[in-house]
Amino acid sequence: MNIKDHKFRMPSAYLKVFLQHAQAVGLPLESLLAGTSVAPEDLVQSDMGVTLEDTRRVLANGARRLGAGWHLALAPRLTIPAHGPLGFAVVTASSLAAAVDVLLRYISIRGPFLGLSGAREENDYVIRLYETTEMGGQRQTLVELAMLSIQVLLERPLGREIEGADIAFACSPPAYRDQLENAFHGNLSFNARRHSLRFPCAWLDEPCALHDEAMHRYLLARCEDEMQSALGM
């Protein structure tokens, strides 16, 4: 899938989540936005896009001011509404299998620096994350935030935590490994060949707790519109 030159513009919703956390811990917004092209007043525009470079700079500023691993405190804020139409389309699907299909197809409208693939492997289903661009010094942070988001997008339809899932990172264990293990509900491993999340195939047949067929169809159309816009079609 070839998204046009603006493919690495991120939804402003995620930057707003970062800034809400900064305010909650008493960090001035100006220090988090330092060196970016974004001003606090810009974020009142709900449809504003943010470049990947500005997103990376905000994450780096946060790490300098709050310490490595600070982004894990964002986990409670990465709720379904934070993921826009994609999040709501996932949770209103009929089953986890249908929810996963939505996630795989439309992930790029929320996280254009990553792609997803999914496959059955014997008794397990494996979602693999692959990087579509160079993410620089914030690579591990961005991947961990993406995986935290996927965790939420699986748990909300299921109505429970994904205990028993295996989550692998193609990165070395960070200094904040203990915090990482507390943030995730599956079993973590590091230095893998590829980032992935593995769970029993039986989960795919479980119905989604918030299934709403009419709303789901509407939200799929919203996701498709956003995808076509990103593709320049």
Protein backbone atom coordinates (compact mmCIF):
# COMPACT_ATOMS: atom_id res chain seq x y z
CA MET A 1 0.00 0.00 0.00
CA ASN A 2 1.55 3.27 -1.12
CA ILE A 3 0.24 6.24 0.79
CA LYS A 4 1.24 9.59 -0.64
CA ASP A 5 3.92 11.95 0.68
CA HIS A 6 1.82 12.95 3.70
CA LYS A 7 1.52 9.33 4.84
CA PHE A 8 3.64 10.01 7.89
CA ARG A 9 1.23 12.56 9.31
CA MET A 10 -0.21 11.30 12.58
CA PRO A 11 -3.69 12.04 13.93
CA SER A 12 -3.49 14.90 16.42
CA ALA A 13 -5.45 12.81 18.96
CA TYR A 14 -2.27 11.05 20.05
CA LEU A 15 -0.37 14.28 20.54
CA LYS A 16 -3.28 15.55 22.63
CA VAL A 17 -2.97 12.43 24.79
CA PHE A 18 0.74 13.20 25.32
CA LEU A 19 -0.04 16.79 26.26
CA GLN A 20 -2.84 15.83 28.65
CA HIS A 21 -0.36 13.66 30.52
CA ALA A 22 2.18 16.49 30.58
CA GLN A 23 -0.39 18.80 32.14
CA ALA A 24 -1.35 16.14 34.69
CA VAL A 25 2.26 15.82 35.90
CA GLY A 26 2.93 19.57 35.84
CA LEU A 27 5.15 19.63 32.74
CA PRO A 28 4.68 22.86 30.73
CA LEU A 29 3.28 22.20 27.27
CA GLU A 30 5.89 24.48 25.75
CA SER A 31 8.69 22.18 26.93
CA LEU A 32 7.03 19.14 25.38
CA LEU A 33 6.43 20.96 22.08
CA ALA A 34 9.90 22.55 21.95
CA GLY A 35 11.48 22.22 18.52
CA THR A 36 8.24 21.19 16.79
CA SER A 37 6.08 23.07 14.30
CA VAL A 38 3.06 22.64 16.62
CA ALA A 39 1.66 25.30 18.94
CA PRO A 40 -0.84 24.47 21.72
CA GLU A 41 -3.56 26.46 19.96
CA ASP A 42 -3.14 24.34 16.83
CA LEU A 43 -4.52 21.31 18.62
CA VAL A 44 -8.06 22.68 18.84
CA GLN A 45 -8.38 21.57 15.20
CA SER A 46 -9.78 18.05 15.48
CA ASP A 47 -8.73 17.05 11.97
CA MET A 48 -5.20 18.40 12.20
CA GLY A 49 -2.38 16.09 11.16
CA VAL A 50 0.98 15.99 12.95
CA THR A 51 4.19 14.96 11.22
CA LEU A 52 6.02 11.89 12.39
CA GLU A 53 9.07 14.07 13.01
CA ASP A 54 7.09 16.33 15.37
CA THR A 55 5.67 13.26 17.12
CA ARG A 56 9.16 11.84 17.61
CA ARG A 57 10.42 15.17 18.94
CA VAL A 58 7.59 15.36 21.49
CA LEU A 59 8.40 11.83 22.67
CA ALA A 60 12.10 12.72 22.94
CA ASN A 61 11.27 15.89 24.90
CA GLY A 62 9.14 13.84 27.25
CA ALA A 63 11.94 11.35 27.85
CA ARG A 64 14.39 14.15 28.63
CA ARG A 65 12.03 15.78 31.13
CA LEU A 66 10.31 12.73 32.64
CA GLY A 67 12.82 9.91 32.15
CA ALA A 68 13.01 6.81 29.98
CA GLY A 69 9.79 4.82 29.98
CA TRP A 70 7.61 7.86 30.69
CA HIS A 71 5.37 6.93 27.75
CA LEU A 72 4.09 3.85 29.59
CA ALA A 73 2.10 6.17 31.84
CA LEU A 74 0.08 7.05 28.72
CA ALA A 75 -1.44 3.54 28.61
CA PRO A 76 -4.65 4.43 30.54
CA ARG A 77 -5.23 7.31 28.09
CA LEU A 78 -4.96 5.12 24.98
CA THR A 79 -8.66 4.31 25.14
CA ILE A 80 -10.93 3.35 22.24
CA PRO A 81 -11.92 7.01 21.51
CA ALA A 82 -8.23 7.91 21.15
CA HIS A 83 -8.13 5.65 18.09
CA GLY A 84 -11.00 7.38 16.33
CA PRO A 85 -13.18 5.51 13.80
CA LEU A 86 -10.70 2.61 13.76
CA GLY A 87 -11.11 2.02 17.49
CA PHE A 88 -14.90 2.10 17.35
CA ALA A 89 -15.00 -0.08 14.21
CA VAL A 90 -12.90 -2.69 16.01
CA VAL A 91 -15.04 -2.86 19.13
CA THR A 92 -18.37 -2.96 17.28
CA ALA A 93 -17.36 -5.96 15.13
CA SER A 94 -19.24 -9.25 15.53
CA SER A 95 -16.31 -11.37 16.72
CA LEU A 96 -12.66 -10.99 17.57
CA ALA A 97 -11.83 -12.42 14.13
CA ALA A 98 -13.80 -9.60 12.48
CA ALA A 99 -12.23 -7.06 14.85
CA VAL A 100 -8.74 -8.26 13.94
CA ASP A 101 -9.57 -8.02 10.23
CA VAL A 102 -10.50 -4.36 10.72
CA LEU A 103 -7.32 -3.69 12.65
CA LEU A 104 -5.13 -5.30 9.99
CA ARG A 105 -6.79 -3.46 7.13
CA TYR A 106 -6.96 0.04 8.58
CA ILE A 107 -4.07 0.37 11.06
CA SER A 108 -2.22 2.74 8.71
CA ILE A 109 -4.84 5.48 9.10
CA ARG A 110 -3.80 5.79 12.76
CA GLY A 111 -0.18 4.61 12.79
CA PRO A 112 1.25 5.09 9.29
CA PHE A 113 4.76 4.19 10.42
CA LEU A 114 3.71 0.56 10.99
CA GLY A 115 1.97 -2.18 9.07
CA LEU A 116 0.32 -5.33 10.38
CA SER A 117 -0.11 -8.84 9.08
CA GLY A 118 -1.95 -11.77 10.62
CA ALA A 119 -1.79 -15.53 10.15
CA ARG A 120 -2.87 -18.77 11.79
CA GLU A 121 0.06 -20.90 12.92
CA GLU A 122 -1.18 -24.29 14.17
CA ASN A 123 -3.28 -23.48 17.26
CA ASP A 124 -2.22 -19.83 17.47
CA TYR A 125 -3.00 -16.63 15.63
CA VAL A 126 -0.07 -14.24 15.19
CA ILE A 127 -0.25 -10.51 14.50
CA ARG A 128 3.09 -9.21 13.25
CA LEU A 129 4.15 -5.57 13.20
CA TYR A 130 6.55 -4.32 10.58
CA GLU A 131 8.12 -0.88 10.32
CA THR A 132 7.36 1.09 7.16
CA THR A 133 9.78 3.96 7.74
CA GLU A 134 12.88 4.85 9.74
CA MET A 135 11.78 5.89 13.24
CA GLY A 136 15.13 7.03 14.59
CA GLY A 137 15.81 7.25 18.30
CA GLN A 138 12.12 6.91 19.18
CA ARG A 139 11.71 3.56 17.40
CA GLN A 140 11.26 1.49 20.55
CA THR A 141 8.92 4.02 22.14
CA LEU A 142 6.69 4.18 19.05
CA VAL A 143 6.56 0.40 18.74
CA GLU A 144 5.71 -0.02 22.43
CA LEU A 145 2.91 2.57 22.16
CA ALA A 146 1.57 0.80 19.07
CA MET A 147 1.60 -2.53 20.86
CA LEU A 148 -0.13 -1.02 23.90
CA SER A 149 -2.81 0.30 21.55
CA ILE A 150 -3.25 -3.12 19.94
CA GLN A 151 -3.59 -4.62 23.41
CA VAL A 152 -6.47 -2.22 24.16
CA LEU A 153 -8.06 -2.89 20.76
CA LEU A 154 -8.12 -6.62 21.49
CA GLU A 155 -9.13 -6.45 25.14
CA ARG A 156 -12.11 -4.13 24.73
CA PRO A 157 -13.96 -6.41 22.28
CA LEU A 158 -13.13 -9.45 24.42
CA GLY A 159 -14.16 -7.73 27.63
CA ARG A 160 -11.09 -9.03 29.46
CA GLU A 161 -7.30 -8.79 29.59
CA ILE A 162 -5.25 -10.82 27.12
CA GLU A 163 -3.58 -13.00 29.73
CA GLY A 164 -1.97 -15.95 27.97
CA ALA A 165 -0.93 -13.95 24.90
CA ASP A 166 2.75 -13.75 23.96
CA ILE A 167 4.16 -10.36 23.00
CA ALA A 168 7.57 -10.19 21.34
CA PHE A 169 9.71 -7.15 20.54
CA ALA A 170 12.51 -7.03 17.98
CA CYS A 171 14.40 -4.79 20.41
CA SER A 172 16.64 -5.33 23.41
CA PRO A 173 14.96 -5.17 26.84
CA PRO A 174 15.01 -1.53 28.00
CA ALA A 175 16.16 -0.22 31.36
CA TYR A 176 12.48 0.21 32.28
CA ARG A 177 11.66 -3.45 31.61
CA ASP A 178 9.78 -3.85 34.91
CA GLN A 179 7.47 -0.95 33.99
CA LEU A 180 6.95 -2.48 30.56
CA GLU A 181 5.96 -5.82 32.05
CA ASN A 182 3.45 -4.09 34.31
CA ALA A 183 1.92 -2.23 31.36
CA PHE A 184 1.38 -5.35 29.27
CA HIS A 185 -0.96 -8.20 30.20
CA GLY A 186 0.70 -10.91 28.09
CA ASN A 187 4.08 -12.63 28.37
CA LEU A 188 6.89 -10.41 27.07
CA SER A 189 10.04 -11.42 25.22
CA PHE A 190 12.77 -9.40 23.51
CA ASN A 191 15.37 -9.66 20.73
CA ALA A 192 12.82 -11.41 18.52
CA ARG A 193 13.08 -11.49 14.73
CA ARG A 194 9.95 -9.36 14.46
CA HIS A 195 7.50 -7.55 16.73
CA SER A 196 4.49 -9.80 17.24
CA LEU A 197 1.49 -10.68 19.38
CA ARG A 198 0.44 -14.35 19.56
CA PHE A 199 -2.76 -15.73 21.07
CA PRO A 200 -4.87 -18.92 20.82
CA CYS A 201 -6.93 -19.22 17.64
CA ALA A 202 -9.92 -20.09 19.82
CA TRP A 203 -10.12 -16.43 20.87
CA LEU A 204 -11.04 -15.46 17.30
CA ASP A 205 -14.47 -17.09 17.70
CA GLU A 206 -15.37 -15.08 20.79
CA PRO A 207 -18.16 -12.51 20.23
CA CYS A 208 -17.38 -8.85 20.75
CA ALA A 209 -19.02 -7.45 23.86
CA LEU A 210 -20.01 -4.20 22.11
CA HIS A 211 -21.14 -5.58 18.74
CA ASP A 212 -23.47 -3.25 16.86
CA GLU A 213 -23.90 -4.19 13.19
CA ALA A 214 -25.35 -0.91 11.93
CA MET A 215 -22.75 1.19 13.76
CA HIS A 216 -20.02 -1.17 12.61
CA ARG A 217 -20.94 -0.74 8.94
CA TYR A 218 -20.99 3.05 9.34
CA LEU A 219 -17.57 3.06 11.03
CA LEU A 220 -16.08 0.78 8.37
CA ALA A 221 -17.19 3.34 5.78
CA ARG A 222 -15.50 6.08 7.80
CA CYS A 223 -12.28 4.05 7.93
CA GLU A 224 -12.46 3.37 4.20
CA ASP A 225 -12.93 7.09 3.47
CA GLU A 226 -9.88 7.92 5.57
CA MET A 227 -7.86 5.23 3.84
CA GLN A 228 -8.82 6.47 0.37
CA SER A 229 -7.97 10.02 1.40
CA ALA A 230 -4.54 8.92 2.61
CA LEU A 231 -3.99 7.08 -0.68
CA GLY A 232 -4.93 10.22 -2.61
CA MET A 233 -7.88 8.54 -4.29
